[in-house]
């Protein structure tokens, strides 16, 4: 014989036990195991994420240099291949010279925002005599993450690019026009740590 219980007829003592029955949660040991697994996965994924970010920064940097190279080529076309007179470190006092910065020189040919002059890995780690302190990046301090070749800005300023020694000897692929102020993408001397825009308008990473 099956007994049926009408709704609402369960004794209140049984109802109280049902309401106050303890719910089983995670024990401390289980929580520690879960946290340990999460920490292990984070430790495994973090280097992968960092490598992906660094690779993306290098790609953006190289694209920036190609864009700057296109601007520079337009300048050369209008100047009949004569190199500009440029102050390669405009923040330094007293000024290296009275010339404008390379950003100012290329401004009429810029087709994109000034972010093209910013390497995403830009950072200042080296001190420069006469340069103001308190800046985190060369972009903030100099207006550009990339330095125009100081030799082209001094002894070759106003001359034609073809008159430079390396260009005359067919080695324009060894003459750089721009480079990053520092090895932004790794320790100095390691391949890929520093990007250069060469005189043949190719972008290369050279060991310095």
C-alpha atoms as a PDB file:
ATOM      1  CA  UNK A   1       0.000   0.000   0.000  1.00  0.00           C
ATOM      2  CA  UNK A   2       1.442   3.352  -1.039  1.00  0.00           C
ATOM      3  CA  UNK A   3       0.818   6.264   1.221  1.00  0.00           C
ATOM      4  CA  UNK A   4       0.260   9.632  -0.358  1.00  0.00           C
ATOM      5  CA  UNK A   5       1.018  12.833   1.409  1.00  0.00           C
ATOM      6  CA  UNK A   6      -1.088  15.822   0.657  1.00  0.00           C
ATOM      7  CA  UNK A   7       0.743  19.094  -0.130  1.00  0.00           C
ATOM      8  CA  UNK A   8       1.369  21.136   2.954  1.00  0.00           C
ATOM      9  CA  UNK A   9       0.976  18.131   5.249  1.00  0.00           C
ATOM     10  CA  UNK A  10       4.732  17.475   5.785  1.00  0.00           C
ATOM     11  CA  UNK A  11       5.503  17.945   9.471  1.00  0.00           C
ATOM     12  CA  UNK A  12       7.293  21.207  10.208  1.00  0.00           C
ATOM     13  CA  UNK A  13      10.225  19.345  11.770  1.00  0.00           C
ATOM     14  CA  UNK A  14      10.929  17.618   8.459  1.00  0.00           C
ATOM     15  CA  UNK A  15      10.612  20.890   6.573  1.00  0.00           C
ATOM     16  CA  UNK A  16      13.094  22.548   8.944  1.00  0.00           C
ATOM     17  CA  UNK A  17      15.617  19.747   8.417  1.00  0.00           C
ATOM     18  CA  UNK A  18      15.260  20.077   4.644  1.00  0.00           C
ATOM     19  CA  UNK A  19      15.726  23.849   4.736  1.00  0.00           C
ATOM     20  CA  UNK A  20      18.739  23.722   7.025  1.00  0.00           C
ATOM     21  CA  UNK A  21      20.507  20.758   5.413  1.00  0.00           C
ATOM     22  CA  UNK A  22      24.171  21.756   4.968  1.00  0.00           C
ATOM     23  CA  UNK A  23      25.311  22.479   1.420  1.00  0.00           C
ATOM     24  CA  UNK A  24      28.638  20.949   0.579  1.00  0.00           C
ATOM     25  CA  UNK A  25      31.140  23.520  -0.780  1.00  0.00           C
ATOM     26  CA  UNK A  26      34.796  23.383  -1.784  1.00  0.00           C
ATOM     27  CA  UNK A  27      37.158  22.339   0.925  1.00  0.00           C
ATOM     28  CA  UNK A  28      40.354  24.297   1.482  1.00  0.00           C
ATOM     29  CA  UNK A  29      42.369  21.517  -0.130  1.00  0.00           C
ATOM     30  CA  UNK A  30      40.167  21.549  -3.232  1.00  0.00           C
ATOM     31  CA  UNK A  31      40.450  25.331  -3.533  1.00  0.00           C
ATOM     32  CA  UNK A  32      44.229  25.103  -3.294  1.00  0.00           C
ATOM     33  CA  UNK A  33      44.288  22.475  -6.036  1.00  0.00           C
ATOM     34  CA  UNK A  34      42.116  24.641  -8.312  1.00  0.00           C
ATOM     35  CA  UNK A  35      44.278  27.709  -7.661  1.00  0.00           C
ATOM     36  CA  UNK A  36      47.392  25.667  -8.364  1.00  0.00           C
ATOM     37  CA  UNK A  37      46.003  24.514 -11.715  1.00  0.00           C
ATOM     38  CA  UNK A  38      45.037  28.084 -12.657  1.00  0.00           C
ATOM     39  CA  UNK A  39      48.519  29.339 -11.719  1.00  0.00           C
ATOM     40  CA  UNK A  40      50.141  26.554 -13.755  1.00  0.00           C
ATOM     41  CA  UNK A  41      48.047  27.355 -16.831  1.00  0.00           C
ATOM     42  CA  UNK A  42      48.788  31.066 -16.458  1.00  0.00           C
ATOM     43  CA  UNK A  43      52.499  30.304 -16.202  1.00  0.00           C
ATOM     44  CA  UNK A  44      52.345  28.243 -19.384  1.00  0.00           C
ATOM     45  CA  UNK A  45      50.308  30.794 -21.340  1.00  0.00           C
ATOM     46  CA  UNK A  46      52.092  33.985 -20.252  1.00  0.00           C
ATOM     47  CA  UNK A  47      55.296  33.380 -22.278  1.00  0.00           C
ATOM     48  CA  UNK A  48      53.160  32.600 -25.345  1.00  0.00           C
ATOM     49  CA  UNK A  49      51.171  35.815 -24.893  1.00  0.00           C
ATOM     50  CA  UNK A  50      54.373  37.832 -24.392  1.00  0.00           C
ATOM     51  CA  UNK A  51      55.960  36.350 -27.526  1.00  0.00           C
ATOM     52  CA  UNK A  52      52.841  37.110 -29.546  1.00  0.00           C
ATOM     53  CA  UNK A  53      52.785  40.698 -28.276  1.00  0.00           C
ATOM     54  CA  UNK A  54      56.492  41.171 -29.043  1.00  0.00           C
ATOM     55  CA  UNK A  55      56.033  39.747 -32.540  1.00  0.00           C
ATOM     56  CA  UNK A  56      53.100  42.086 -33.197  1.00  0.00           C
ATOM     57  CA  UNK A  57      55.180  45.048 -32.014  1.00  0.00           C
ATOM     58  CA  UNK A  58      58.012  44.150 -34.412  1.00  0.00           C
ATOM     59  CA  UNK A  59      55.560  43.856 -37.306  1.00  0.00           C
ATOM     60  CA  UNK A  60      54.050  47.266 -36.508  1.00  0.00           C
ATOM     61  CA  UNK A  61      57.515  48.799 -36.179  1.00  0.00           C
ATOM     62  CA  UNK A  62      58.604  47.504 -39.579  1.00  0.00           C
ATOM     63  CA  UNK A  63      55.386  48.776 -41.164  1.00  0.00           C
ATOM     64  CA  UNK A  64      56.064  52.199 -39.622  1.00  0.00           C
ATOM     65  CA  UNK A  65      59.547  52.298 -41.127  1.00  0.00           C
ATOM     66  CA  UNK A  66      58.211  51.379 -44.569  1.00  0.00           C
ATOM     67  CA  UNK A  67      55.698  54.219 -44.315  1.00  0.00           C
ATOM     68  CA  UNK A  68      58.433  56.635 -43.205  1.00  0.00           C
ATOM     69  CA  UNK A  69      60.559  55.376 -46.090  1.00  0.00           C
ATOM     70  CA  UNK A  70      57.772  56.238 -48.535  1.00  0.00           C
ATOM     71  CA  UNK A  71      57.598  59.745 -47.060  1.00  0.00           C
ATOM     72  CA  UNK A  72      61.369  60.114 -47.311  1.00  0.00           C
ATOM     73  CA  UNK A  73      61.344  58.982 -50.939  1.00  0.00           C
ATOM     74  CA  UNK A  74      58.729  61.629 -51.769  1.00  0.00           C
ATOM     75  CA  UNK A  75      60.964  64.234 -50.126  1.00  0.00           C
ATOM     76  CA  UNK A  76      63.938  63.059 -52.218  1.00  0.00           C
ATOM     77  CA  UNK A  77      61.861  63.199 -55.387  1.00  0.00           C
ATOM     78  CA  UNK A  78      61.027  66.853 -54.748  1.00  0.00           C
ATOM     79  CA  UNK A  79      64.519  67.798 -53.555  1.00  0.00           C
ATOM     80  CA  UNK A  80      66.192  66.192 -56.591  1.00  0.00           C
ATOM     81  CA  UNK A  81      67.658  63.528 -54.342  1.00  0.00           C
ATOM     82  CA  UNK A  82      69.349  66.022 -52.004  1.00  0.00           C
ATOM     83  CA  UNK A  83      69.430  64.951 -48.359  1.00  0.00           C
ATOM     84  CA  UNK A  84      67.759  67.159 -45.737  1.00  0.00           C
ATOM     85  CA  UNK A  85      69.471  69.137 -43.008  1.00  0.00           C
ATOM     86  CA  UNK A  86      68.109  67.599 -39.827  1.00  0.00           C
ATOM     87  CA  UNK A  87      68.559  67.825 -36.065  1.00  0.00           C
ATOM     88  CA  UNK A  88      68.692  64.150 -35.084  1.00  0.00           C
ATOM     89  CA  UNK A  89      68.142  64.805 -31.354  1.00  0.00           C
ATOM     90  CA  UNK A  90      65.952  67.929 -31.107  1.00  0.00           C
ATOM     91  CA  UNK A  91      65.458  67.688 -27.327  1.00  0.00           C
ATOM     92  CA  UNK A  92      69.157  68.153 -26.504  1.00  0.00           C
ATOM     93  CA  UNK A  93      70.313  71.507 -25.139  1.00  0.00           C
ATOM     94  CA  UNK A  94      72.265  73.343 -26.292  1.00  0.00           C
ATOM     95  CA  UNK A  95      70.873  72.340 -29.712  1.00  0.00           C
ATOM     96  CA  UNK A  96      73.023  70.154 -31.943  1.00  0.00           C
ATOM     97  CA  UNK A  97      72.147  72.543 -34.768  1.00  0.00           C
ATOM     98  CA  UNK A  98      69.354  74.878 -35.791  1.00  0.00           C
ATOM     99  CA  UNK A  99      67.829  72.384 -38.212  1.00  0.00           C
ATOM    100  CA  UNK A 100      64.278  71.068 -37.818  1.00  0.00           C
ATOM    101  CA  UNK A 101      63.454  67.547 -36.679  1.00  0.00           C
ATOM    102  CA  UNK A 102      62.975  64.808 -39.256  1.00  0.00           C
ATOM    103  CA  UNK A 103      59.264  64.716 -38.354  1.00  0.00           C
ATOM    104  CA  UNK A 104      58.965  68.385 -39.322  1.00  0.00           C
ATOM    105  CA  UNK A 105      60.831  67.762 -42.581  1.00  0.00           C
ATOM    106  CA  UNK A 106      58.553  64.865 -43.549  1.00  0.00           C
ATOM    107  CA  UNK A 107      55.350  66.493 -42.316  1.00  0.00           C
ATOM    108  CA  UNK A 108      54.179  67.612 -45.808  1.00  0.00           C
ATOM    109  CA  UNK A 109      54.434  64.005 -47.031  1.00  0.00           C
ATOM    110  CA  UNK A 110      52.770  62.279 -44.086  1.00  0.00           C
ATOM    111  CA  UNK A 111      49.651  60.441 -45.198  1.00  0.00           C
ATOM    112  CA  UNK A 112      48.772  59.061 -41.776  1.00  0.00           C
ATOM    113  CA  UNK A 113      48.664  60.127 -38.138  1.00  0.00           C
ATOM    114  CA  UNK A 114      51.813  60.805 -36.166  1.00  0.00           C
ATOM    115  CA  UNK A 115      51.457  57.331 -34.639  1.00  0.00           C
ATOM    116  CA  UNK A 116      53.486  56.102 -37.613  1.00  0.00           C
ATOM    117  CA  UNK A 117      56.515  57.629 -35.871  1.00  0.00           C
ATOM    118  CA  UNK A 118      55.840  55.606 -32.706  1.00  0.00           C
ATOM    119  CA  UNK A 119      57.307  52.150 -32.246  1.00  0.00           C
ATOM    120  CA  UNK A 120      54.985  50.264 -29.853  1.00  0.00           C
ATOM    121  CA  UNK A 121      58.040  48.905 -28.002  1.00  0.00           C
ATOM    122  CA  UNK A 122      59.658  52.366 -27.655  1.00  0.00           C
ATOM    123  CA  UNK A 123      61.320  52.976 -24.292  1.00  0.00           C
ATOM    124  CA  UNK A 124      64.213  55.054 -22.988  1.00  0.00           C
ATOM    125  CA  UNK A 125      66.851  53.111 -21.063  1.00  0.00           C
ATOM    126  CA  UNK A 126      70.007  55.057 -21.988  1.00  0.00           C
ATOM    127  CA  UNK A 127      70.904  58.520 -20.748  1.00  0.00           C
ATOM    128  CA  UNK A 128      71.849  61.232 -23.213  1.00  0.00           C
ATOM    129  CA  UNK A 129      73.828  64.290 -22.144  1.00  0.00           C
ATOM    130  CA  UNK A 130      71.752  67.429 -22.508  1.00  0.00           C
ATOM    131  CA  UNK A 131      68.466  65.586 -23.022  1.00  0.00           C
ATOM    132  CA  UNK A 132      65.655  66.361 -20.572  1.00  0.00           C
ATOM    133  CA  UNK A 133      64.744  63.729 -17.988  1.00  0.00           C
ATOM    134  CA  UNK A 134      61.317  62.415 -17.098  1.00  0.00           C
ATOM    135  CA  UNK A 135      60.323  60.960 -20.455  1.00  0.00           C
ATOM    136  CA  UNK A 136      59.420  57.288 -20.840  1.00  0.00           C
ATOM    137  CA  UNK A 137      59.737  57.096 -24.644  1.00  0.00           C
ATOM    138  CA  UNK A 138      61.721  58.718 -27.440  1.00  0.00           C
ATOM    139  CA  UNK A 139      58.430  59.459 -29.174  1.00  0.00           C
ATOM    140  CA  UNK A 140      57.475  61.711 -26.267  1.00  0.00           C
ATOM    141  CA  UNK A 141      60.910  63.314 -26.044  1.00  0.00           C
ATOM    142  CA  UNK A 142      62.033  63.574 -29.671  1.00  0.00           C
ATOM    143  CA  UNK A 143      58.711  63.287 -31.493  1.00  0.00           C
ATOM    144  CA  UNK A 144      59.829  60.046 -33.134  1.00  0.00           C
ATOM    145  CA  UNK A 145      60.967  56.554 -32.099  1.00  0.00           C
ATOM    146  CA  UNK A 146      63.309  56.418 -35.095  1.00  0.00           C
ATOM    147  CA  UNK A 147      66.577  58.310 -35.479  1.00  0.00           C
ATOM    148  CA  UNK A 148      67.679  59.743 -38.799  1.00  0.00           C
ATOM    149  CA  UNK A 149      71.245  58.725 -39.658  1.00  0.00           C
ATOM    150  CA  UNK A 150      73.493  61.340 -37.955  1.00  0.00           C
ATOM    151  CA  UNK A 151      76.104  61.113 -40.742  1.00  0.00           C
ATOM    152  CA  UNK A 152      73.499  61.918 -43.380  1.00  0.00           C
ATOM    153  CA  UNK A 153      72.326  64.813 -41.213  1.00  0.00           C
ATOM    154  CA  UNK A 154      75.823  66.269 -40.846  1.00  0.00           C
ATOM    155  CA  UNK A 155      78.573  65.651 -43.394  1.00  0.00           C
ATOM    156  CA  UNK A 156      76.134  64.627 -46.163  1.00  0.00           C
ATOM    157  CA  UNK A 157      73.392  67.177 -45.465  1.00  0.00           C
ATOM    158  CA  UNK A 158      72.442  68.943 -48.699  1.00  0.00           C
ATOM    159  CA  UNK A 159      74.308  66.409 -50.821  1.00  0.00           C
ATOM    160  CA  UNK A 160      72.696  63.817 -53.009  1.00  0.00           C
ATOM    161  CA  UNK A 161      72.120  60.371 -51.587  1.00  0.00           C
ATOM    162  CA  UNK A 162      74.102  58.829 -54.432  1.00  0.00           C
ATOM    163  CA  UNK A 163      77.168  60.800 -53.293  1.00  0.00           C
ATOM    164  CA  UNK A 164      77.472  58.877 -50.030  1.00  0.00           C
ATOM    165  CA  UNK A 165      80.363  56.451 -49.926  1.00  0.00           C
ATOM    166  CA  UNK A 166      78.313  53.271 -49.560  1.00  0.00           C
ATOM    167  CA  UNK A 167      75.874  54.320 -52.266  1.00  0.00           C
ATOM    168  CA  UNK A 168      78.724  55.125 -54.651  1.00  0.00           C
ATOM    169  CA  UNK A 169      80.077  51.612 -54.146  1.00  0.00           C
ATOM    170  CA  UNK A 170      76.745  49.928 -54.796  1.00  0.00           C
ATOM    171  CA  UNK A 171      76.250  49.065 -51.147  1.00  0.00           C
ATOM    172  CA  UNK A 172      73.104  51.064 -50.492  1.00  0.00           C
ATOM    173  CA  UNK A 173      71.667  47.996 -48.799  1.00  0.00           C
ATOM    174  CA  UNK A 174      74.261  48.609 -46.045  1.00  0.00           C
ATOM    175  CA  UNK A 175      73.503  52.322 -45.610  1.00  0.00           C
ATOM    176  CA  UNK A 176      70.708  52.994 -43.163  1.00  0.00           C
ATOM    177  CA  UNK A 177      68.442  56.043 -43.324  1.00  0.00           C
ATOM    178  CA  UNK A 178      66.546  55.464 -40.086  1.00  0.00           C
ATOM    179  CA  UNK A 179      66.948  53.179 -37.120  1.00  0.00           C
ATOM    180  CA  UNK A 180      65.354  52.834 -33.733  1.00  0.00           C
ATOM    181  CA  UNK A 181      67.061  54.930 -31.063  1.00  0.00           C
ATOM    182  CA  UNK A 182      67.690  51.778 -29.020  1.00  0.00           C
ATOM    183  CA  UNK A 183      67.205  48.017 -29.436  1.00  0.00           C
ATOM    184  CA  UNK A 184      63.523  48.106 -28.492  1.00  0.00           C
ATOM    185  CA  UNK A 185      62.799  44.476 -29.363  1.00  0.00           C
ATOM    186  CA  UNK A 186      65.382  42.609 -27.324  1.00  0.00           C
ATOM    187  CA  UNK A 187      68.891  42.712 -25.887  1.00  0.00           C
ATOM    188  CA  UNK A 188      71.524  44.499 -27.974  1.00  0.00           C
ATOM    189  CA  UNK A 189      73.343  42.075 -30.227  1.00  0.00           C
ATOM    190  CA  UNK A 190      70.406  39.724 -30.655  1.00  0.00           C
ATOM    191  CA  UNK A 191      68.874  39.301 -34.107  1.00  0.00           C
ATOM    192  CA  UNK A 192      65.561  41.115 -34.398  1.00  0.00           C
ATOM    193  CA  UNK A 193      66.280  43.505 -31.537  1.00  0.00           C
ATOM    194  CA  UNK A 194      66.551  46.586 -33.751  1.00  0.00           C
ATOM    195  CA  UNK A 195      64.936  47.572 -37.044  1.00  0.00           C
ATOM    196  CA  UNK A 196      66.562  49.706 -39.763  1.00  0.00           C
ATOM    197  CA  UNK A 197      65.310  51.407 -42.899  1.00  0.00           C
ATOM    198  CA  UNK A 198      68.062  51.037 -45.487  1.00  0.00           C
ATOM    199  CA  UNK A 199      68.941  53.336 -48.401  1.00  0.00           C
ATOM    200  CA  UNK A 200      67.359  50.861 -50.817  1.00  0.00           C
ATOM    201  CA  UNK A 201      64.136  51.385 -48.784  1.00  0.00           C
ATOM    202  CA  UNK A 202      64.154  47.855 -47.429  1.00  0.00           C
ATOM    203  CA  UNK A 203      63.538  47.253 -43.722  1.00  0.00           C
ATOM    204  CA  UNK A 204      65.971  44.957 -41.985  1.00  0.00           C
ATOM    205  CA  UNK A 205      66.835  43.885 -38.472  1.00  0.00           C
ATOM    206  CA  UNK A 206      70.566  44.130 -38.034  1.00  0.00           C
ATOM    207  CA  UNK A 207      72.684  42.951 -35.137  1.00  0.00           C
ATOM    208  CA  UNK A 208      74.239  45.944 -33.400  1.00  0.00           C
END
